[in-house]
Amino acid sequence: MIGVDDLAIYLLSAMNTFYPQSNHAFMEKPKVTQERYEEFAKDIAKVVLDPRVKPLFAGEDGPIKTGLLLIAIARYESSFRNDVMTCTKLGDKGWSFGPFQAQGYAETVCQGNFQAAWVAIEMIHESFKICHKLPMSYHLAEYTDGNNWDSPRAFKRSSDRMDTAIHYFTSHKVISKSN
């Protein structure tokens, strides 16, 4: 079983692959960006390794894949921007909040990364349930597009996020100090 620190390093690497820290250089100092990325990766690792959290994927790698999917979603939804992740800047005309752009859960999501991740995981489980008959790449369609989940736009947005996570997992070995 992978530990929090090892998983955080793996997720941080994914974050930098999906949306490099240098992309934020025009708006903040690199140290500020680095600290936010490291904190977010560690927070996500803690959440997905929490025994109370039901992973989105089965098997021993389920928590790792769950963390990676959260990172991929946050990349597309917030680009890891501080103003979006802290709910200073809202999306969808003021209806979406936090790193995963959850709708309808502002009071919880805006409390921090832990709460935002817990809400996102629950929403993703619901989307997986609704879209279970579709190919795996489309399982996020309800998450990305709500009631309009059965549309080419939703399938594209879902597959962008799912395929980013899946490709990273299949291309990058998880290295754990305990291995």
N, C-alpha and C. Protein backbone atom coordinates (compact mmCIF):
# COMPACT_ATOMS: atom_id res chain seq x y z
N MET A 1 0.85 -1.19 0.00
CA MET A 1 0.00 0.00 0.00
C MET A 1 0.89 1.24 0.00
N ILE A 2 0.57 2.16 -0.83
CA ILE A 2 1.32 3.40 -0.94
C ILE A 2 0.96 4.34 0.22
N GLY A 3 1.93 5.11 0.67
CA GLY A 3 1.70 6.06 1.74
C GLY A 3 1.33 7.44 1.20
N VAL A 4 0.90 8.31 2.09
CA VAL A 4 0.47 9.65 1.71
C VAL A 4 1.58 10.42 1.01
N ASP A 5 2.79 10.40 1.57
CA ASP A 5 3.88 11.18 0.98
C ASP A 5 4.24 10.71 -0.42
N ASP A 6 4.32 9.39 -0.60
CA ASP A 6 4.64 8.86 -1.93
C ASP A 6 3.54 9.18 -2.94
N LEU A 7 2.30 9.03 -2.51
CA LEU A 7 1.19 9.35 -3.42
C LEU A 7 1.17 10.84 -3.73
N ALA A 8 1.45 11.68 -2.75
CA ALA A 8 1.48 13.13 -2.99
C ALA A 8 2.54 13.49 -4.03
N ILE A 9 3.70 12.84 -3.97
CA ILE A 9 4.76 13.09 -4.96
C ILE A 9 4.28 12.68 -6.35
N TYR A 10 3.64 11.53 -6.43
CA TYR A 10 3.11 11.04 -7.71
C TYR A 10 2.05 12.00 -8.27
N LEU A 11 1.14 12.44 -7.42
CA LEU A 11 0.09 13.37 -7.86
C LEU A 11 0.67 14.73 -8.23
N LEU A 12 1.67 15.18 -7.50
CA LEU A 12 2.33 16.45 -7.83
C LEU A 12 2.98 16.36 -9.21
N SER A 13 3.60 15.24 -9.50
CA SER A 13 4.19 15.04 -10.82
C SER A 13 3.12 15.10 -11.91
N ALA A 14 1.98 14.48 -11.64
CA ALA A 14 0.86 14.54 -12.60
C ALA A 14 0.38 15.97 -12.79
N MET A 15 0.25 16.70 -11.68
CA MET A 15 -0.19 18.10 -11.78
C MET A 15 0.74 18.90 -12.68
N ASN A 16 2.04 18.71 -12.49
CA ASN A 16 3.02 19.45 -13.29
C ASN A 16 3.03 19.01 -14.74
N THR A 17 2.65 17.79 -15.00
CA THR A 17 2.52 17.31 -16.38
C THR A 17 1.26 17.91 -17.02
N PHE A 18 0.15 17.87 -16.29
CA PHE A 18 -1.13 18.34 -16.82
C PHE A 18 -1.17 19.86 -16.99
N TYR A 19 -0.59 20.58 -16.04
CA TYR A 19 -0.62 22.05 -16.08
C TYR A 19 0.58 22.55 -15.28
N PRO A 20 1.73 22.74 -15.96
CA PRO A 20 2.97 23.09 -15.27
C PRO A 20 2.85 24.36 -14.41
N GLN A 21 3.58 24.34 -13.31
CA GLN A 21 3.58 25.49 -12.41
C GLN A 21 3.99 26.77 -13.12
N SER A 22 4.86 26.66 -14.11
CA SER A 22 5.33 27.85 -14.84
C SER A 22 4.18 28.58 -15.53
N ASN A 23 3.07 27.92 -15.77
CA ASN A 23 1.91 28.59 -16.39
C ASN A 23 1.33 29.68 -15.50
N HIS A 24 1.67 29.67 -14.22
CA HIS A 24 1.14 30.66 -13.28
C HIS A 24 2.11 31.83 -13.06
N ALA A 25 3.28 31.79 -13.69
CA ALA A 25 4.33 32.78 -13.43
C ALA A 25 3.89 34.21 -13.71
N PHE A 26 2.96 34.41 -14.60
CA PHE A 26 2.51 35.77 -14.92
C PHE A 26 1.65 36.37 -13.83
N MET A 27 1.13 35.56 -12.91
CA MET A 27 0.21 36.08 -11.90
C MET A 27 0.69 35.92 -10.46
N GLU A 28 1.74 35.12 -10.23
CA GLU A 28 2.22 34.94 -8.86
C GLU A 28 3.65 34.43 -8.85
N LYS A 29 4.28 34.55 -7.70
CA LYS A 29 5.66 34.09 -7.55
C LYS A 29 5.70 32.56 -7.60
N PRO A 30 6.76 32.01 -8.20
CA PRO A 30 6.87 30.55 -8.32
C PRO A 30 6.75 29.82 -6.97
N LYS A 31 7.27 30.39 -5.91
CA LYS A 31 7.21 29.74 -4.60
C LYS A 31 5.75 29.59 -4.12
N VAL A 32 4.93 30.59 -4.41
CA VAL A 32 3.52 30.55 -4.03
C VAL A 32 2.82 29.42 -4.79
N THR A 33 3.09 29.33 -6.08
CA THR A 33 2.51 28.28 -6.91
C THR A 33 2.97 26.90 -6.42
N GLN A 34 4.26 26.77 -6.18
CA GLN A 34 4.81 25.50 -5.74
C GLN A 34 4.16 25.05 -4.43
N GLU A 35 4.02 25.96 -3.49
CA GLU A 35 3.40 25.60 -2.21
C GLU A 35 1.95 25.15 -2.40
N ARG A 36 1.21 25.84 -3.27
CA ARG A 36 -0.19 25.46 -3.51
C ARG A 36 -0.27 24.09 -4.16
N TYR A 37 0.59 23.84 -5.16
CA TYR A 37 0.59 22.55 -5.83
C TYR A 37 0.91 21.43 -4.83
N GLU A 38 1.95 21.64 -4.01
CA GLU A 38 2.34 20.62 -3.04
C GLU A 38 1.24 20.37 -2.02
N GLU A 39 0.62 21.43 -1.52
CA GLU A 39 -0.46 21.29 -0.55
C GLU A 39 -1.65 20.54 -1.16
N PHE A 40 -2.02 20.92 -2.38
CA PHE A 40 -3.15 20.27 -3.04
C PHE A 40 -2.87 18.78 -3.25
N ALA A 41 -1.69 18.44 -3.76
CA ALA A 41 -1.34 17.04 -3.99
C ALA A 41 -1.39 16.25 -2.69
N LYS A 42 -0.87 16.82 -1.62
CA LYS A 42 -0.87 16.12 -0.33
C LYS A 42 -2.30 15.97 0.21
N ASP A 43 -3.09 17.03 0.08
CA ASP A 43 -4.48 16.95 0.54
C ASP A 43 -5.27 15.88 -0.22
N ILE A 44 -5.08 15.81 -1.52
CA ILE A 44 -5.79 14.81 -2.32
C ILE A 44 -5.31 13.41 -1.93
N ALA A 45 -4.01 13.25 -1.71
CA ALA A 45 -3.48 11.95 -1.28
C ALA A 45 -4.11 11.53 0.04
N LYS A 46 -4.21 12.45 0.98
CA LYS A 46 -4.82 12.13 2.28
C LYS A 46 -6.28 11.72 2.12
N VAL A 47 -6.99 12.42 1.29
CA VAL A 47 -8.42 12.11 1.11
C VAL A 47 -8.59 10.73 0.49
N VAL A 48 -7.91 10.45 -0.61
CA VAL A 48 -8.15 9.18 -1.31
C VAL A 48 -7.61 7.98 -0.54
N LEU A 49 -6.68 8.21 0.39
CA LEU A 49 -6.18 7.11 1.21
C LEU A 49 -6.96 6.96 2.52
N ASP A 50 -7.88 7.86 2.77
CA ASP A 50 -8.72 7.78 3.97
C ASP A 50 -9.60 6.54 3.85
N PRO A 51 -9.59 5.67 4.84
CA PRO A 51 -10.39 4.43 4.74
C PRO A 51 -11.89 4.67 4.66
N ARG A 52 -12.35 5.88 5.00
CA ARG A 52 -13.78 6.17 4.90
C ARG A 52 -14.20 6.52 3.47
N VAL A 53 -13.23 6.78 2.61
CA VAL A 53 -13.52 7.17 1.23
C VAL A 53 -13.62 5.93 0.36
N LYS A 54 -14.72 5.82 -0.36
CA LYS A 54 -14.89 4.71 -1.31
C LYS A 54 -14.21 5.11 -2.62
N PRO A 55 -13.13 4.42 -2.99
CA PRO A 55 -12.44 4.78 -4.24
C PRO A 55 -13.38 4.68 -5.44
N LEU A 56 -13.07 5.44 -6.46
CA LEU A 56 -13.86 5.43 -7.69
C LEU A 56 -13.56 4.19 -8.54
N PHE A 57 -12.43 3.56 -8.26
CA PHE A 57 -11.98 2.41 -9.04
C PHE A 57 -11.68 1.25 -8.10
N ALA A 58 -11.91 0.05 -8.55
CA ALA A 58 -11.68 -1.15 -7.74
C ALA A 58 -10.19 -1.51 -7.75
N GLY A 59 -9.84 -2.38 -6.85
CA GLY A 59 -8.48 -2.91 -6.82
C GLY A 59 -7.54 -2.13 -5.93
N GLU A 60 -6.36 -2.69 -5.79
CA GLU A 60 -5.33 -2.10 -4.94
C GLU A 60 -4.95 -0.69 -5.41
N ASP A 61 -4.98 -0.46 -6.71
CA ASP A 61 -4.63 0.86 -7.26
C ASP A 61 -5.81 1.83 -7.28
N GLY A 62 -6.97 1.40 -6.77
CA GLY A 62 -8.16 2.25 -6.78
C GLY A 62 -7.95 3.63 -6.20
N PRO A 63 -7.33 3.75 -5.01
CA PRO A 63 -7.11 5.09 -4.46
C PRO A 63 -6.16 5.94 -5.31
N ILE A 64 -5.15 5.31 -5.90
CA ILE A 64 -4.21 6.05 -6.75
C ILE A 64 -4.94 6.59 -7.97
N LYS A 65 -5.71 5.73 -8.62
CA LYS A 65 -6.47 6.15 -9.80
C LYS A 65 -7.51 7.22 -9.43
N THR A 66 -8.10 7.10 -8.25
CA THR A 66 -9.07 8.10 -7.79
C THR A 66 -8.38 9.45 -7.62
N GLY A 67 -7.23 9.45 -6.99
CA GLY A 67 -6.47 10.69 -6.83
C GLY A 67 -6.08 11.30 -8.17
N LEU A 68 -5.66 10.46 -9.06
CA LEU A 68 -5.26 10.93 -10.39
C LEU A 68 -6.44 11.52 -11.15
N LEU A 69 -7.61 10.90 -11.02
CA LEU A 69 -8.79 11.46 -11.69
C LEU A 69 -9.15 12.81 -11.08
N LEU A 70 -9.06 12.93 -9.77
CA LEU A 70 -9.33 14.24 -9.14
C LEU A 70 -8.36 15.30 -9.66
N ILE A 71 -7.10 14.93 -9.80
CA ILE A 71 -6.10 15.87 -10.31
C ILE A 71 -6.44 16.26 -11.76
N ALA A 72 -6.81 15.29 -12.57
CA ALA A 72 -7.17 15.58 -13.97
C ALA A 72 -8.39 16.50 -14.04
N ILE A 73 -9.39 16.23 -13.21
CA ILE A 73 -10.58 17.08 -13.21
C ILE A 73 -10.21 18.50 -12.79
N ALA A 74 -9.43 18.62 -11.71
CA ALA A 74 -9.04 19.95 -11.23
C ALA A 74 -8.23 20.70 -12.29
N ARG A 75 -7.44 19.98 -13.05
CA ARG A 75 -6.67 20.62 -14.13
C ARG A 75 -7.62 21.28 -15.13
N TYR A 76 -8.64 20.56 -15.53
CA TYR A 76 -9.58 21.09 -16.52
C TYR A 76 -10.52 22.14 -15.91
N GLU A 77 -10.91 21.96 -14.68
CA GLU A 77 -11.91 22.83 -14.07
C GLU A 77 -11.32 24.11 -13.47
N SER A 78 -10.09 24.04 -12.96
CA SER A 78 -9.53 25.21 -12.28
C SER A 78 -8.12 25.58 -12.72
N SER A 79 -7.47 24.75 -13.49
CA SER A 79 -6.06 24.94 -13.86
C SER A 79 -5.19 25.19 -12.63
N PHE A 80 -5.65 24.72 -11.48
CA PHE A 80 -4.94 24.87 -10.22
C PHE A 80 -4.71 26.34 -9.86
N ARG A 81 -5.56 27.22 -10.36
CA ARG A 81 -5.45 28.65 -10.05
C ARG A 81 -5.91 28.93 -8.63
N ASN A 82 -5.16 29.72 -7.91
CA ASN A 82 -5.50 30.03 -6.53
C ASN A 82 -6.88 30.66 -6.41
N ASP A 83 -7.19 31.63 -7.26
CA ASP A 83 -8.48 32.32 -7.14
C ASP A 83 -9.67 31.40 -7.38
N VAL A 84 -9.50 30.40 -8.23
CA VAL A 84 -10.57 29.45 -8.49
C VAL A 84 -10.63 28.41 -7.36
N MET A 85 -9.48 27.92 -6.96
CA MET A 85 -9.44 26.87 -5.94
C MET A 85 -9.94 27.37 -4.58
N THR A 86 -9.78 28.66 -4.31
CA THR A 86 -10.22 29.23 -3.03
C THR A 86 -11.60 29.88 -3.12
N CYS A 87 -12.27 29.72 -4.23
CA CYS A 87 -13.62 30.24 -4.44
C CYS A 87 -13.69 31.77 -4.53
N THR A 88 -12.56 32.41 -4.77
CA THR A 88 -12.57 33.85 -5.00
C THR A 88 -13.17 34.13 -6.38
N LYS A 89 -12.82 33.30 -7.34
CA LYS A 89 -13.37 33.38 -8.69
C LYS A 89 -14.26 32.16 -8.90
N LEU A 90 -15.50 32.42 -9.29
CA LEU A 90 -16.47 31.35 -9.51
C LEU A 90 -16.61 31.07 -11.00
N GLY A 91 -17.09 29.89 -11.31
CA GLY A 91 -17.30 29.52 -12.70
C GLY A 91 -18.77 29.43 -13.04
N ASP A 92 -19.05 29.21 -14.31
CA ASP A 92 -20.43 29.02 -14.78
C ASP A 92 -21.37 30.11 -14.27
N LYS A 93 -20.95 31.35 -14.48
CA LYS A 93 -21.75 32.52 -14.09
C LYS A 93 -22.11 32.52 -12.61
N GLY A 94 -21.15 32.09 -11.78
CA GLY A 94 -21.34 32.11 -10.34
C GLY A 94 -21.94 30.87 -9.73
N TRP A 95 -22.10 29.81 -10.51
CA TRP A 95 -22.75 28.59 -10.01
C TRP A 95 -21.78 27.47 -9.65
N SER A 96 -20.51 27.58 -10.04
CA SER A 96 -19.54 26.51 -9.81
C SER A 96 -18.43 27.00 -8.89
N PHE A 97 -17.99 26.09 -8.00
CA PHE A 97 -17.08 26.49 -6.93
C PHE A 97 -15.89 25.55 -6.79
N GLY A 98 -14.76 26.12 -6.47
CA GLY A 98 -13.59 25.37 -6.06
C GLY A 98 -12.83 24.66 -7.15
N PRO A 99 -11.85 23.85 -6.75
CA PRO A 99 -10.95 23.21 -7.71
C PRO A 99 -11.63 22.27 -8.68
N PHE A 100 -12.79 21.72 -8.28
CA PHE A 100 -13.48 20.76 -9.14
C PHE A 100 -14.75 21.35 -9.74
N GLN A 101 -14.97 22.65 -9.50
CA GLN A 101 -16.12 23.39 -10.01
C GLN A 101 -17.45 22.68 -9.72
N ALA A 102 -17.62 22.33 -8.46
CA ALA A 102 -18.87 21.70 -8.01
C ALA A 102 -19.98 22.74 -7.99
N GLN A 103 -21.16 22.32 -8.32
CA GLN A 103 -22.32 23.22 -8.29
C GLN A 103 -23.21 22.85 -7.12
N GLY A 104 -23.64 23.87 -6.38
CA GLY A 104 -24.61 23.66 -5.32
C GLY A 104 -24.04 23.31 -3.97
N TYR A 105 -22.74 23.31 -3.81
CA TYR A 105 -22.13 22.92 -2.54
C TYR A 105 -21.13 23.97 -2.05
N ALA A 106 -21.37 25.23 -2.33
CA ALA A 106 -20.41 26.28 -2.03
C ALA A 106 -19.96 26.29 -0.57
N GLU A 107 -20.89 26.17 0.35
CA GLU A 107 -20.53 26.23 1.78
C GLU A 107 -19.53 25.14 2.16
N THR A 108 -19.65 23.99 1.57
CA THR A 108 -18.74 22.89 1.88
C THR A 108 -17.46 22.99 1.06
N VAL A 109 -17.60 23.11 -0.25
CA VAL A 109 -16.45 23.12 -1.15
C VAL A 109 -15.48 24.25 -0.83
N CYS A 110 -15.98 25.39 -0.47
CA CYS A 110 -15.13 26.56 -0.24
C CYS A 110 -14.43 26.54 1.12
N GLN A 111 -14.62 25.47 1.90
CA GLN A 111 -13.91 25.33 3.17
C GLN A 111 -12.47 24.87 2.97
N GLY A 112 -12.18 24.24 1.84
CA GLY A 112 -10.82 23.79 1.57
C GLY A 112 -10.75 22.57 0.67
N ASN A 113 -9.53 22.14 0.42
CA ASN A 113 -9.29 21.03 -0.50
C ASN A 113 -9.93 19.73 -0.04
N PHE A 114 -9.87 19.44 1.26
CA PHE A 114 -10.45 18.19 1.75
C PHE A 114 -11.94 18.12 1.45
N GLN A 115 -12.63 19.17 1.83
CA GLN A 115 -14.07 19.20 1.63
C GLN A 115 -14.42 19.18 0.15
N ALA A 116 -13.66 19.94 -0.64
CA ALA A 116 -13.91 19.96 -2.09
C ALA A 116 -13.72 18.57 -2.69
N ALA A 117 -12.69 17.87 -2.26
CA ALA A 117 -12.42 16.53 -2.79
C ALA A 117 -13.51 15.54 -2.38
N TRP A 118 -13.96 15.61 -1.14
CA TRP A 118 -15.03 14.71 -0.68
C TRP A 118 -16.29 14.93 -1.52
N VAL A 119 -16.65 16.18 -1.73
CA VAL A 119 -17.84 16.49 -2.55
C VAL A 119 -17.64 15.98 -3.97
N ALA A 120 -16.47 16.23 -4.55
CA ALA A 120 -16.20 15.80 -5.92
C ALA A 120 -16.31 14.28 -6.05
N ILE A 121 -15.75 13.56 -5.09
CA ILE A 121 -15.81 12.09 -5.14
C ILE A 121 -17.26 11.61 -5.12
N GLU A 122 -18.07 12.20 -4.27
CA GLU A 122 -19.49 11.81 -4.22
C GLU A 122 -20.19 12.12 -5.55
N MET A 123 -19.89 13.28 -6.10
CA MET A 123 -20.50 13.65 -7.38
C MET A 123 -20.04 12.72 -8.50
N ILE A 124 -18.77 12.34 -8.47
CA ILE A 124 -18.23 11.44 -9.49
C ILE A 124 -18.86 10.05 -9.36
N HIS A 125 -19.02 9.57 -8.13
CA HIS A 125 -19.70 8.28 -7.94
C HIS A 125 -21.10 8.32 -8.57
N GLU A 126 -21.80 9.42 -8.36
CA GLU A 126 -23.14 9.57 -8.93
C GLU A 126 -23.08 9.57 -10.46
N SER A 127 -22.12 10.27 -11.02
CA SER A 127 -21.96 10.30 -12.47
C SER A 127 -21.63 8.90 -13.01
N PHE A 128 -20.75 8.20 -12.32
CA PHE A 128 -20.40 6.84 -12.74
C PHE A 128 -21.64 5.95 -12.73
N LYS A 129 -22.48 6.13 -11.73
CA LYS A 129 -23.70 5.32 -11.61
C LYS A 129 -24.65 5.64 -12.78
N ILE A 130 -24.84 6.90 -13.07
CA ILE A 130 -25.75 7.30 -14.14
C ILE A 130 -25.22 6.87 -15.51
N CYS A 131 -23.92 6.95 -15.70
CA CYS A 131 -23.31 6.70 -17.01
C CYS A 131 -22.69 5.31 -17.12
N HIS A 132 -23.04 4.40 -16.23
CA HIS A 132 -22.38 3.10 -16.16
C HIS A 132 -22.49 2.25 -17.42
N LYS A 133 -23.49 2.47 -18.24
CA LYS A 133 -23.65 1.67 -19.45
C LYS A 133 -22.81 2.21 -20.62
N LEU A 134 -22.25 3.38 -20.43
CA LEU A 134 -21.42 4.01 -21.46
C LEU A 134 -19.98 3.51 -21.35
N PRO A 135 -19.18 3.72 -22.39
CA PRO A 135 -17.75 3.40 -22.27
C PRO A 135 -17.13 4.17 -21.09
N MET A 136 -16.12 3.60 -20.48
CA MET A 136 -15.48 4.20 -19.30
C MET A 136 -15.10 5.67 -19.52
N SER A 137 -14.63 6.01 -20.69
CA SER A 137 -14.22 7.40 -20.97
C SER A 137 -15.37 8.39 -20.80
N TYR A 138 -16.60 7.90 -20.88
CA TYR A 138 -17.77 8.78 -20.80
C TYR A 138 -18.44 8.79 -19.41
N HIS A 139 -17.86 8.11 -18.46
CA HIS A 139 -18.49 7.99 -17.13
C HIS A 139 -18.58 9.31 -16.37
N LEU A 140 -17.84 10.31 -16.80
CA LEU A 140 -17.92 11.63 -16.14
C LEU A 140 -18.90 12.57 -16.84
N ALA A 141 -19.62 12.10 -17.82
CA ALA A 141 -20.49 12.97 -18.61
C ALA A 141 -21.53 13.69 -17.76
N GLU A 142 -22.12 13.00 -16.80
CA GLU A 142 -23.09 13.65 -15.92
C GLU A 142 -22.40 14.66 -15.01
N TYR A 143 -21.20 14.34 -14.56
CA TYR A 143 -20.43 15.28 -13.73
C TYR A 143 -20.14 16.57 -14.50
N THR A 144 -19.71 16.42 -15.74
CA THR A 144 -19.31 17.61 -16.51
C THR A 144 -20.49 18.41 -17.04
N ASP A 145 -21.61 17.75 -17.34
CA ASP A 145 -22.69 18.45 -18.02
C ASP A 145 -24.08 18.25 -17.41
N GLY A 146 -24.15 17.69 -16.23
CA GLY A 146 -25.43 17.56 -15.54
C GLY A 146 -26.48 16.85 -16.37
N ASN A 147 -27.66 17.45 -16.46
CA ASN A 147 -28.78 16.83 -17.18
C ASN A 147 -28.54 16.69 -18.67
N ASN A 148 -27.55 17.36 -19.19
CA ASN A 148 -27.21 17.26 -20.62
C ASN A 148 -26.10 16.23 -20.85
N TRP A 149 -26.02 15.24 -19.98
CA TRP A 149 -24.93 14.28 -20.02
C TRP A 149 -24.92 13.39 -21.26
N ASP A 150 -26.04 13.21 -21.91
CA ASP A 150 -26.12 12.32 -23.07
C ASP A 150 -25.95 13.13 -24.35
N SER A 151 -24.77 13.74 -24.50
CA SER A 151 -24.52 14.61 -25.65
C SER A 151 -23.06 14.51 -26.07
N PRO A 152 -22.78 14.80 -27.32
CA PRO A 152 -21.38 14.77 -27.78
C PRO A 152 -20.48 15.70 -26.95
N ARG A 153 -20.99 16.86 -26.57
CA ARG A 153 -20.20 17.80 -25.76
C ARG A 153 -19.83 17.16 -24.43
N ALA A 154 -20.78 16.53 -23.76
CA ALA A 154 -20.52 15.88 -22.47
C ALA A 154 -19.54 14.72 -22.63
N PHE A 155 -19.70 13.94 -23.67
CA PHE A 155 -18.80 12.81 -23.89
C PHE A 155 -17.37 13.30 -24.13
N LYS A 156 -17.23 14.38 -24.87
CA LYS A 156 -15.90 14.95 -25.13
C LYS A 156 -15.27 15.45 -23.84
N ARG A 157 -16.03 16.19 -23.06
CA ARG A 157 -15.50 16.73 -21.81
C ARG A 157 -15.17 15.61 -20.82
N SER A 158 -16.01 14.61 -20.77
CA SER A 158 -15.74 13.46 -19.91
C SER A 158 -14.47 12.74 -20.35
N SER A 159 -14.37 12.44 -21.62
CA SER A 159 -13.21 11.69 -22.10
C SER A 159 -11.92 12.50 -21.97
N ASP A 160 -11.98 13.81 -22.09
CA ASP A 160 -10.78 14.63 -21.87
C ASP A 160 -10.22 14.36 -20.48
N ARG A 161 -11.07 14.39 -19.48
CA ARG A 161 -10.66 14.22 -18.10
C ARG A 161 -10.28 12.77 -17.78
N MET A 162 -11.13 11.84 -18.17
CA MET A 162 -10.87 10.42 -17.89
C MET A 162 -9.61 9.94 -18.61
N ASP A 163 -9.50 10.26 -19.87
CA ASP A 163 -8.37 9.78 -20.65
C ASP A 163 -7.05 10.39 -20.18
N THR A 164 -7.08 11.64 -19.70
CA THR A 164 -5.88 12.26 -19.14
C THR A 164 -5.39 11.45 -17.95
N ALA A 165 -6.30 11.12 -17.05
CA ALA A 165 -5.93 10.34 -15.87
C ALA A 165 -5.48 8.93 -16.24
N ILE A 166 -6.23 8.27 -17.09
CA ILE A 166 -5.92 6.89 -17.47
C ILE A 166 -4.57 6.82 -18.18
N HIS A 167 -4.34 7.74 -19.10
CA HIS A 167 -3.07 7.75 -19.84
C HIS A 167 -1.90 7.96 -18.88
N TYR A 168 -2.04 8.89 -17.96
CA TYR A 168 -0.95 9.14 -17.02
C TYR A 168 -0.68 7.88 -16.19
N PHE A 169 -1.72 7.26 -15.70
CA PHE A 169 -1.54 6.06 -14.87
C PHE A 169 -0.84 4.95 -15.65
N THR A 170 -1.23 4.74 -16.89
CA THR A 170 -0.62 3.65 -17.68
C THR A 170 0.79 3.99 -18.15
N SER A 171 1.13 5.28 -18.17
CA SER A 171 2.44 5.71 -18.66
C SER A 171 3.47 5.99 -17.56
N HIS A 172 3.02 6.13 -16.32
CA HIS A 172 3.91 6.51 -15.23
C HIS A 172 3.77 5.55 -14.05
N LYS A 173 4.84 4.85 -13.79
CA LYS A 173 4.86 3.88 -12.69
C LYS A 173 4.79 4.61 -11.35
N VAL A 174 4.02 4.06 -10.46
CA VAL A 174 3.96 4.58 -9.10
C VAL A 174 5.16 4.05 -8.34
N ILE A 175 5.94 4.94 -7.77
CA ILE A 175 7.12 4.54 -7.01
C ILE A 175 6.85 4.83 -5.53
N SER A 176 6.96 3.80 -4.75
CA SER A 176 6.72 3.92 -3.31
C SER A 176 7.98 3.52 -2.56
N LYS A 177 8.33 4.26 -1.54
CA LYS A 177 9.51 3.94 -0.73
C LYS A 177 9.36 2.58 -0.07
N SER A 178 8.13 2.16 0.13
CA SER A 178 7.89 0.87 0.78
C SER A 178 7.98 -0.30 -0.20
N ASN A 179 8.11 0.01 -1.52
CA ASN A 179 8.24 -1.08 -2.52
C ASN A 179 9.63 -1.62 -2.53
